[in-house]
Amino acid sequence: ETQTTSPPMDIVWFKLPPLAHRRGPDGGGGRARNV
């Protein structure tokens, strides 16, 4: 259910990383927890 809040809700913007299965920090696919 939608609830009215006061003060208005803040929206937090953030960037998602590029496709993690492409390349990880070790030059491979990175950890598979997000693949």
PDB file of all heavy atoms in Angstrom:
ATOM      1  N   GLU A   1       0.843  -1.202   0.000  1.00  0.00           N
ATOM      2  CA  GLU A   1       0.000   0.000   0.000  1.00  0.00           C
ATOM      3  C   GLU A   1       0.878   1.252   0.000  1.00  0.00           C
ATOM      4  O   GLU A   1       1.941   1.296   0.621  1.00  0.00           O
ATOM      5  CB  GLU A   1      -0.898   0.019   1.242  1.00  0.00           C
ATOM      6  CG  GLU A   1      -1.961  -1.061   1.240  1.00  0.00           C
ATOM      7  CD  GLU A   1      -2.873  -0.965   2.445  1.00  0.00           C
ATOM      8  OE1 GLU A   1      -2.700  -0.014   3.240  1.00  0.00           O
ATOM      9  OE2 GLU A   1      -3.742  -1.825   2.579  1.00  0.00           O
ATOM     10  N   THR A   2       0.407   2.294  -0.716  1.00  0.00           N
ATOM     11  CA  THR A   2       1.125   3.561  -0.749  1.00  0.00           C
ATOM     12  C   THR A   2       0.784   4.363   0.497  1.00  0.00           C
ATOM     13  O   THR A   2      -0.382   4.539   0.834  1.00  0.00           O
ATOM     14  CB  THR A   2       0.757   4.363  -2.002  1.00  0.00           C
ATOM     15  OG1 THR A   2       1.045   3.585  -3.152  1.00  0.00           O
ATOM     16  CG2 THR A   2       1.524   5.667  -2.058  1.00  0.00           C
ATOM     17  N   GLN A   3       1.820   4.829   1.186  1.00  0.00           N
ATOM     18  CA  GLN A   3       1.619   5.630   2.377  1.00  0.00           C
ATOM     19  C   GLN A   3       2.194   7.021   2.156  1.00  0.00           C
ATOM     20  O   GLN A   3       3.291   7.171   1.613  1.00  0.00           O
ATOM     21  CB  GLN A   3       2.298   4.976   3.585  1.00  0.00           C
ATOM     22  CG  GLN A   3       1.703   3.614   3.940  1.00  0.00           C
ATOM     23  CD  GLN A   3       2.366   3.014   5.162  1.00  0.00           C
ATOM     24  OE1 GLN A   3       3.311   3.576   5.705  1.00  0.00           O
ATOM     25  NE2 GLN A   3       1.861   1.865   5.615  1.00  0.00           N
ATOM     26  N   THR A   4       1.431   8.035   2.539  1.00  0.00           N
ATOM     27  CA  THR A   4       1.895   9.414   2.418  1.00  0.00           C
ATOM     28  C   THR A   4       2.860   9.722   3.553  1.00  0.00           C
ATOM     29  O   THR A   4       2.572   9.445   4.720  1.00  0.00           O
ATOM     30  CB  THR A   4       0.718  10.387   2.468  1.00  0.00           C
ATOM     31  OG1 THR A   4      -0.203  10.059   1.438  1.00  0.00           O
ATOM     32  CG2 THR A   4       1.181  11.824   2.290  1.00  0.00           C
ATOM     33  N   THR A   5       4.005  10.256   3.198  1.00  0.00           N
ATOM     34  CA  THR A   5       5.006  10.573   4.214  1.00  0.00           C
ATOM     35  C   THR A   5       5.303  12.063   4.189  1.00  0.00           C
ATOM     36  O   THR A   5       5.156  12.737   3.179  1.00  0.00           O
ATOM     37  CB  THR A   5       6.321   9.814   3.959  1.00  0.00           C
ATOM     38  OG1 THR A   5       6.826  10.176   2.674  1.00  0.00           O
ATOM     39  CG2 THR A   5       6.099   8.315   4.000  1.00  0.00           C
ATOM     40  N   SER A   6       5.722  12.565   5.301  1.00  0.00           N
ATOM     41  CA  SER A   6       6.129  13.964   5.403  1.00  0.00           C
ATOM     42  C   SER A   6       7.361  14.021   6.292  1.00  0.00           C
ATOM     43  O   SER A   6       7.340  13.501   7.416  1.00  0.00           O
ATOM     44  CB  SER A   6       5.007  14.805   6.005  1.00  0.00           C
ATOM     45  OG  SER A   6       5.399  16.158   6.091  1.00  0.00           O
ATOM     46  N   PRO A   7       8.419  14.635   5.843  1.00  0.00           N
ATOM     47  CA  PRO A   7       8.588  15.301   4.541  1.00  0.00           C
ATOM     48  C   PRO A   7       8.578  14.277   3.392  1.00  0.00           C
ATOM     49  O   PRO A   7       8.636  13.074   3.639  1.00  0.00           O
ATOM     50  CB  PRO A   7       9.958  15.964   4.669  1.00  0.00           C
ATOM     51  CG  PRO A   7      10.697  15.089   5.638  1.00  0.00           C
ATOM     52  CD  PRO A   7       9.663  14.635   6.629  1.00  0.00           C
ATOM     53  N   PRO A   8       8.518  14.785   2.127  1.00  0.00           N
ATOM     54  CA  PRO A   8       8.499  13.882   0.965  1.00  0.00           C
ATOM     55  C   PRO A   8       9.719  12.971   0.941  1.00  0.00           C
ATOM     56  O   PRO A   8      10.796  13.323   1.431  1.00  0.00           O
ATOM     57  CB  PRO A   8       8.511  14.853  -0.226  1.00  0.00           C
ATOM     58  CG  PRO A   8       7.949  16.117   0.327  1.00  0.00           C
ATOM     59  CD  PRO A   8       8.421  16.188   1.751  1.00  0.00           C
ATOM     60  N   MET A   9       9.545  11.812   0.328  1.00  0.00           N
ATOM     61  CA  MET A   9      10.618  10.814   0.251  1.00  0.00           C
ATOM     62  C   MET A   9      11.751  11.299  -0.646  1.00  0.00           C
ATOM     63  O   MET A   9      11.512  11.869  -1.700  1.00  0.00           O
ATOM     64  CB  MET A   9      10.056   9.493  -0.302  1.00  0.00           C
ATOM     65  CG  MET A   9      11.071   8.358  -0.397  1.00  0.00           C
ATOM     66  SD  MET A   9      10.370   6.878  -1.165  1.00  0.00           S
ATOM     67  CE  MET A   9       9.124   6.440   0.036  1.00  0.00           C
ATOM     68  N   ASP A  10      12.957  11.129  -0.189  1.00  0.00           N
ATOM     69  CA  ASP A  10      14.116  11.417  -1.029  1.00  0.00           C
ATOM     70  C   ASP A  10      14.372  10.236  -1.957  1.00  0.00           C
ATOM     71  O   ASP A  10      14.102   9.086  -1.607  1.00  0.00           O
ATOM     72  CB  ASP A  10      15.371  11.652  -0.175  1.00  0.00           C
ATOM     73  CG  ASP A  10      15.282  12.962   0.596  1.00  0.00           C
ATOM     74  OD1 ASP A  10      14.597  13.878   0.104  1.00  0.00           O
ATOM     75  OD2 ASP A  10      15.891  13.045   1.668  1.00  0.00           O
ATOM     76  N   ILE A  11      14.887  10.526  -3.140  1.00  0.00           N
ATOM     77  CA  ILE A  11      15.262   9.480  -4.100  1.00  0.00           C
ATOM     78  C   ILE A  11      16.779   9.470  -4.217  1.00  0.00           C
ATOM     79  O   ILE A  11      17.398  10.504  -4.472  1.00  0.00           O
ATOM     80  CB  ILE A  11      14.625   9.724  -5.480  1.00  0.00           C
ATOM     81  CG1 ILE A  11      13.093   9.734  -5.351  1.00  0.00           C
ATOM     82  CG2 ILE A  11      15.077   8.665  -6.478  1.00  0.00           C
ATOM     83  CD1 ILE A  11      12.390  10.068  -6.642  1.00  0.00           C
ATOM     84  N   VAL A  12      17.358   8.331  -3.997  1.00  0.00           N
ATOM     85  CA  VAL A  12      18.808   8.191  -4.073  1.00  0.00           C
ATOM     86  C   VAL A  12      19.163   7.619  -5.440  1.00  0.00           C
ATOM     87  O   VAL A  12      18.698   6.546  -5.818  1.00  0.00           O
ATOM     88  CB  VAL A  12      19.344   7.260  -2.965  1.00  0.00           C
ATOM     89  CG1 VAL A  12      20.860   7.113  -3.081  1.00  0.00           C
ATOM     90  CG2 VAL A  12      18.952   7.805  -1.597  1.00  0.00           C
ATOM     91  N   TRP A  13      19.980   8.350  -6.212  1.00  0.00           N
ATOM     92  CA  TRP A  13      20.426   7.885  -7.523  1.00  0.00           C
ATOM     93  C   TRP A  13      21.819   7.300  -7.395  1.00  0.00           C
ATOM     94  O   TRP A  13      22.668   7.825  -6.690  1.00  0.00           O
ATOM     95  CB  TRP A  13      20.461   9.051  -8.524  1.00  0.00           C
ATOM     96  CG  TRP A  13      19.104   9.581  -8.849  1.00  0.00           C
ATOM     97  CD1 TRP A  13      18.441  10.594  -8.239  1.00  0.00           C
ATOM     98  CD2 TRP A  13      18.232   9.095  -9.862  1.00  0.00           C
ATOM     99  NE1 TRP A  13      17.207  10.780  -8.791  1.00  0.00           N
ATOM    100  CE2 TRP A  13      17.049   9.883  -9.796  1.00  0.00           C
ATOM    101  CE3 TRP A  13      18.319   8.080 -10.819  1.00  0.00           C
ATOM    102  CZ2 TRP A  13      15.971   9.685 -10.653  1.00  0.00           C
ATOM    103  CZ3 TRP A  13      17.250   7.892 -11.667  1.00  0.00           C
ATOM    104  CH2 TRP A  13      16.090   8.680 -11.582  1.00  0.00           C
ATOM    105  N   PHE A  14      22.059   6.205  -8.061  1.00  0.00           N
ATOM    106  CA  PHE A  14      23.384   5.607  -8.054  1.00  0.00           C
ATOM    107  C   PHE A  14      23.576   4.843  -9.354  1.00  0.00           C
ATOM    108  O   PHE A  14      22.613   4.503 -10.036  1.00  0.00           O
ATOM    109  CB  PHE A  14      23.573   4.663  -6.862  1.00  0.00           C
ATOM    110  CG  PHE A  14      22.591   3.533  -6.823  1.00  0.00           C
ATOM    111  CD1 PHE A  14      22.903   2.298  -7.353  1.00  0.00           C
ATOM    112  CD2 PHE A  14      21.338   3.711  -6.240  1.00  0.00           C
ATOM    113  CE1 PHE A  14      21.997   1.258  -7.325  1.00  0.00           C
ATOM    114  CE2 PHE A  14      20.420   2.672  -6.212  1.00  0.00           C
ATOM    115  CZ  PHE A  14      20.744   1.435  -6.749  1.00  0.00           C
ATOM    116  N   LYS A  15      24.834   4.608  -9.704  1.00  0.00           N
ATOM    117  CA  LYS A  15      25.160   3.909 -10.946  1.00  0.00           C
ATOM    118  C   LYS A  15      25.376   2.427 -10.671  1.00  0.00           C
ATOM    119  O   LYS A  15      26.079   2.048  -9.744  1.00  0.00           O
ATOM    120  CB  LYS A  15      26.424   4.499 -11.586  1.00  0.00           C
ATOM    121  CG  LYS A  15      26.220   5.876 -12.189  1.00  0.00           C
ATOM    122  CD  LYS A  15      27.476   6.324 -12.924  1.00  0.00           C
ATOM    123  CE  LYS A  15      27.256   7.662 -13.618  1.00  0.00           C
ATOM    124  NZ  LYS A  15      28.473   8.087 -14.365  1.00  0.00           N
ATOM    125  N   LEU A  16      24.764   1.592 -11.520  1.00  0.00           N
ATOM    126  CA  LEU A  16      25.036   0.162 -11.475  1.00  0.00           C
ATOM    127  C   LEU A  16      26.308  -0.114 -12.273  1.00  0.00           C
ATOM    128  O   LEU A  16      26.560   0.545 -13.278  1.00  0.00           O
ATOM    129  CB  LEU A  16      23.871  -0.629 -12.068  1.00  0.00           C
ATOM    130  CG  LEU A  16      22.591  -0.617 -11.238  1.00  0.00           C
ATOM    131  CD1 LEU A  16      21.430  -1.148 -12.060  1.00  0.00           C
ATOM    132  CD2 LEU A  16      22.757  -1.475  -9.996  1.00  0.00           C
ATOM    133  N   PRO A  17      27.113  -1.073 -11.826  1.00  0.00           N
ATOM    134  CA  PRO A  17      28.357  -1.354 -12.559  1.00  0.00           C
ATOM    135  C   PRO A  17      28.049  -1.945 -13.926  1.00  0.00           C
ATOM    136  O   PRO A  17      26.977  -2.502 -14.151  1.00  0.00           O
ATOM    137  CB  PRO A  17      29.065  -2.377 -11.661  1.00  0.00           C
ATOM    138  CG  PRO A  17      27.959  -3.040 -10.908  1.00  0.00           C
ATOM    139  CD  PRO A  17      26.925  -1.971 -10.685  1.00  0.00           C
ATOM    140  N   PRO A  18      28.993  -1.856 -14.873  1.00  0.00           N
ATOM    141  CA  PRO A  18      28.809  -2.519 -16.167  1.00  0.00           C
ATOM    142  C   PRO A  18      28.722  -4.023 -15.978  1.00  0.00           C
ATOM    143  O   PRO A  18      29.078  -4.538 -14.917  1.00  0.00           O
ATOM    144  CB  PRO A  18      30.058  -2.125 -16.959  1.00  0.00           C
ATOM    145  CG  PRO A  18      31.058  -1.752 -15.921  1.00  0.00           C
ATOM    146  CD  PRO A  18      30.282  -1.170 -14.782  1.00  0.00           C
ATOM    147  N   LEU A  19      28.256  -4.720 -16.997  1.00  0.00           N
ATOM    148  CA  LEU A  19      28.006  -6.155 -16.894  1.00  0.00           C
ATOM    149  C   LEU A  19      29.176  -6.874 -16.239  1.00  0.00           C
ATOM    150  O   LEU A  19      30.262  -6.952 -16.783  1.00  0.00           O
ATOM    151  CB  LEU A  19      27.744  -6.739 -18.282  1.00  0.00           C
ATOM    152  CG  LEU A  19      26.503  -6.167 -18.969  1.00  0.00           C
ATOM    153  CD1 LEU A  19      26.290  -6.856 -20.295  1.00  0.00           C
ATOM    154  CD2 LEU A  19      25.281  -6.314 -18.097  1.00  0.00           C
ATOM    155  N   ALA A  20      28.918  -7.420 -15.058  1.00  0.00           N
ATOM    156  CA  ALA A  20      30.015  -7.948 -14.250  1.00  0.00           C
ATOM    157  C   ALA A  20      30.637  -9.196 -14.840  1.00  0.00           C
ATOM    158  O   ALA A  20      31.769  -9.531 -14.551  1.00  0.00           O
ATOM    159  CB  ALA A  20      29.516  -8.245 -12.829  1.00  0.00           C
ATOM    160  N   HIS A  21      29.872  -9.916 -15.694  1.00  0.00           N
ATOM    161  CA  HIS A  21      30.445 -11.147 -16.224  1.00  0.00           C
ATOM    162  C   HIS A  21      31.448 -10.887 -17.346  1.00  0.00           C
ATOM    163  O   HIS A  21      32.097 -11.796 -17.816  1.00  0.00           O
ATOM    164  CB  HIS A  21      29.340 -12.091 -16.716  1.00  0.00           C
ATOM    165  CG  HIS A  21      28.630 -11.609 -17.939  1.00  0.00           C
ATOM    166  ND1 HIS A  21      27.460 -10.907 -17.886  1.00  0.00           N
ATOM    167  CD2 HIS A  21      28.945 -11.721 -19.259  1.00  0.00           C
ATOM    168  CE1 HIS A  21      27.065 -10.630 -19.119  1.00  0.00           C
ATOM    169  NE2 HIS A  21      27.942 -11.114 -19.961  1.00  0.00           N
ATOM    170  N   ARG A  22      31.567  -9.611 -17.776  1.00  0.00           N
ATOM    171  CA  ARG A  22      32.521  -9.320 -18.854  1.00  0.00           C
ATOM    172  C   ARG A  22      33.958  -9.350 -18.352  1.00  0.00           C
ATOM    173  O   ARG A  22      34.763 -10.109 -18.815  1.00  0.00           O
ATOM    174  CB  ARG A  22      32.219  -7.931 -19.440  1.00  0.00           C
ATOM    175  CG  ARG A  22      30.839  -7.826 -20.072  1.00  0.00           C
ATOM    176  CD  ARG A  22      30.723  -8.733 -21.267  1.00  0.00           C
ATOM    177  NE  ARG A  22      29.448  -8.557 -21.920  1.00  0.00           N
ATOM    178  CZ  ARG A  22      28.997  -9.300 -22.908  1.00  0.00           C
ATOM    179  NH1 ARG A  22      29.706 -10.299 -23.343  1.00  0.00           N
ATOM    180  NH2 ARG A  22      27.827  -9.073 -23.445  1.00  0.00           N
ATOM    181  N   ARG A  23      34.252  -8.485 -17.394  1.00  0.00           N
ATOM    182  CA  ARG A  23      35.621  -8.428 -16.891  1.00  0.00           C
ATOM    183  C   ARG A  23      35.615  -8.029 -15.420  1.00  0.00           C
ATOM    184  O   ARG A  23      34.892  -7.122 -15.011  1.00  0.00           O
ATOM    185  CB  ARG A  23      36.451  -7.384 -17.673  1.00  0.00           C
ATOM    186  CG  ARG A  23      36.907  -7.910 -19.029  1.00  0.00           C
ATOM    187  CD  ARG A  23      37.976  -8.977 -18.853  1.00  0.00           C
ATOM    188  NE  ARG A  23      38.357  -9.571 -20.110  1.00  0.00           N
ATOM    189  CZ  ARG A  23      37.882 -10.702 -20.588  1.00  0.00           C
ATOM    190  NH1 ARG A  23      36.973 -11.356 -19.915  1.00  0.00           N
ATOM    191  NH2 ARG A  23      38.301 -11.191 -21.734  1.00  0.00           N
ATOM    192  N   GLY A  24      36.423  -8.697 -14.629  1.00  0.00           N
ATOM    193  CA  GLY A  24      36.563  -8.358 -13.233  1.00  0.00           C
ATOM    194  C   GLY A  24      37.926  -7.770 -12.976  1.00  0.00           C
ATOM    195  O   GLY A  24      38.730  -7.595 -13.884  1.00  0.00           O
ATOM    196  N   PRO A  25      38.237  -7.480 -11.721  1.00  0.00           N
ATOM    197  CA  PRO A  25      39.514  -6.858 -11.396  1.00  0.00           C
ATOM    198  C   PRO A  25      40.710  -7.749 -11.672  1.00  0.00           C
ATOM    199  O   PRO A  25      41.827  -7.265 -11.829  1.00  0.00           O
ATOM    200  CB  PRO A  25      39.380  -6.576  -9.880  1.00  0.00           C
ATOM    201  CG  PRO A  25      38.306  -7.511  -9.406  1.00  0.00           C
ATOM    202  CD  PRO A  25      37.376  -7.662 -10.557  1.00  0.00           C
ATOM    203  N   ASP A  26      40.468  -9.078 -11.750  1.00  0.00           N
ATOM    204  CA  ASP A  26      41.579  -9.984 -12.025  1.00  0.00           C
ATOM    205  C   ASP A  26      41.725 -10.262 -13.509  1.00  0.00           C
ATOM    206  O   ASP A  26      42.468 -11.160 -13.900  1.00  0.00           O
ATOM    207  CB  ASP A  26      41.382 -11.292 -11.255  1.00  0.00           C
ATOM    208  CG  ASP A  26      40.065 -11.978 -11.617  1.00  0.00           C
ATOM    209  OD1 ASP A  26      39.276 -11.399 -12.393  1.00  0.00           O
ATOM    210  OD2 ASP A  26      39.843 -13.078 -11.120  1.00  0.00           O
ATOM    211  N   GLY A  27      40.979  -9.519 -14.359  1.00  0.00           N
ATOM    212  CA  GLY A  27      41.065  -9.734 -15.793  1.00  0.00           C
ATOM    213  C   GLY A  27      40.135 -10.808 -16.284  1.00  0.00           C
ATOM    214  O   GLY A  27      40.046 -11.080 -17.468  1.00  0.00           O
ATOM    215  N   GLY A  28      39.398 -11.434 -15.365  1.00  0.00           N
ATOM    216  CA  GLY A  28      38.438 -12.466 -15.745  1.00  0.00           C
ATOM    217  C   GLY A  28      37.036 -11.948 -15.570  1.00  0.00           C
ATOM    218  O   GLY A  28      36.747 -10.789 -15.792  1.00  0.00           O
ATOM    219  N   GLY A  29      36.130 -12.815 -15.142  1.00  0.00           N
ATOM    220  CA  GLY A  29      34.734 -12.444 -15.056  1.00  0.00           C
ATOM    221  C   GLY A  29      34.305 -11.888 -13.733  1.00  0.00           C
ATOM    222  O   GLY A  29      33.122 -11.684 -13.511  1.00  0.00           O
ATOM    223  N   GLY A  30      35.254 -11.651 -12.788  1.00  0.00           N
ATOM    224  CA  GLY A  30      34.842 -11.180 -11.480  1.00  0.00           C
ATOM    225  C   GLY A  30      34.136 -12.290 -10.724  1.00  0.00           C
ATOM    226  O   GLY A  30      33.967 -13.390 -11.199  1.00  0.00           O
ATOM    227  N   ARG A  31      33.685 -12.010  -9.511  1.00  0.00           N
ATOM    228  CA  ARG A  31      32.955 -13.019  -8.761  1.00  0.00           C
ATOM    229  C   ARG A  31      31.584 -13.206  -9.381  1.00  0.00           C
ATOM    230  O   ARG A  31      30.993 -12.275  -9.913  1.00  0.00           O
ATOM    231  CB  ARG A  31      32.789 -12.599  -7.292  1.00  0.00           C
ATOM    232  CG  ARG A  31      34.099 -12.333  -6.578  1.00  0.00           C
ATOM    233  CD  ARG A  31      35.090 -13.453  -6.768  1.00  0.00           C
ATOM    234  NE  ARG A  31      34.625 -14.716  -6.221  1.00  0.00           N
ATOM    235  CZ  ARG A  31      35.208 -15.875  -6.441  1.00  0.00           C
ATOM    236  NH1 ARG A  31      36.271 -15.941  -7.213  1.00  0.00           N
ATOM    237  NH2 ARG A  31      34.742 -16.973  -5.913  1.00  0.00           N
ATOM    238  N   ALA A  32      31.065 -14.397  -9.294  1.00  0.00           N
ATOM    239  CA  ALA A  32      29.815 -14.722  -9.979  1.00  0.00           C
ATOM    240  C   ALA A  32      28.589 -14.420  -9.135  1.00  0.00           C
ATOM    241  O   ALA A  32      27.504 -14.822  -9.484  1.00  0.00           O
ATOM    242  CB  ALA A  32      29.809 -16.191 -10.377  1.00  0.00           C
ATOM    243  N   ARG A  33      28.733 -13.696  -8.038  1.00  0.00           N
ATOM    244  CA  ARG A  33      27.580 -13.429  -7.192  1.00  0.00           C
ATOM    245  C   ARG A  33      26.556 -12.541  -7.891  1.00  0.00           C
ATOM    246  O   ARG A  33      25.409 -12.489  -7.499  1.00  0.00           O
ATOM    247  CB  ARG A  33      28.035 -12.789  -5.876  1.00  0.00           C
ATOM    248  CG  ARG A  33      28.829 -13.766  -5.008  1.00  0.00           C
ATOM    249  CD  ARG A  33      29.130 -13.186  -3.644  1.00  0.00           C
ATOM    250  NE  ARG A  33      29.827 -14.148  -2.818  1.00  0.00           N
ATOM    251  CZ  ARG A  33      29.237 -15.100  -2.107  1.00  0.00           C
ATOM    252  NH1 ARG A  33      27.940 -15.228  -2.157  1.00  0.00           N
ATOM    253  NH2 ARG A  33      29.937 -15.940  -1.374  1.00  0.00           N
ATOM    254  N   ASN A  34      26.948 -11.785  -8.882  1.00  0.00           N
ATOM    255  CA  ASN A  34      25.983 -11.005  -9.639  1.00  0.00           C
ATOM    256  C   ASN A  34      25.911 -11.457 -11.088  1.00  0.00           C
ATOM    257  O   ASN A  34      25.580 -10.693 -11.966  1.00  0.00           O
ATOM    258  CB  ASN A  34      26.307  -9.508  -9.553  1.00  0.00           C
ATOM    259  CG  ASN A  34      27.752  -9.222  -9.926  1.00  0.00           C
ATOM    260  OD1 ASN A  34      28.519 -10.124 -10.189  1.00  0.00           O
ATOM    261  ND2 ASN A  34      28.102  -7.944  -9.936  1.00  0.00           N
ATOM    262  N   VAL A  35      26.262 -12.731 -11.332  1.00  0.00           N
ATOM    263  CA  VAL A  35      26.122 -13.334 -12.653  1.00  0.00           C
ATOM    264  C   VAL A  35      25.149 -14.493 -12.526  1.00  0.00           C
ATOM    265  O   VAL A  35      25.311 -15.358 -11.678  1.00  0.00           O
ATOM    266  CB  VAL A  35      27.475 -13.843 -13.187  1.00  0.00           C
ATOM    267  CG1 VAL A  35      27.285 -14.550 -14.515  1.00  0.00           C
ATOM    268  CG2 VAL A  35      28.446 -12.683 -13.343  1.00  0.00           C
TER     269      VAL A  35
END
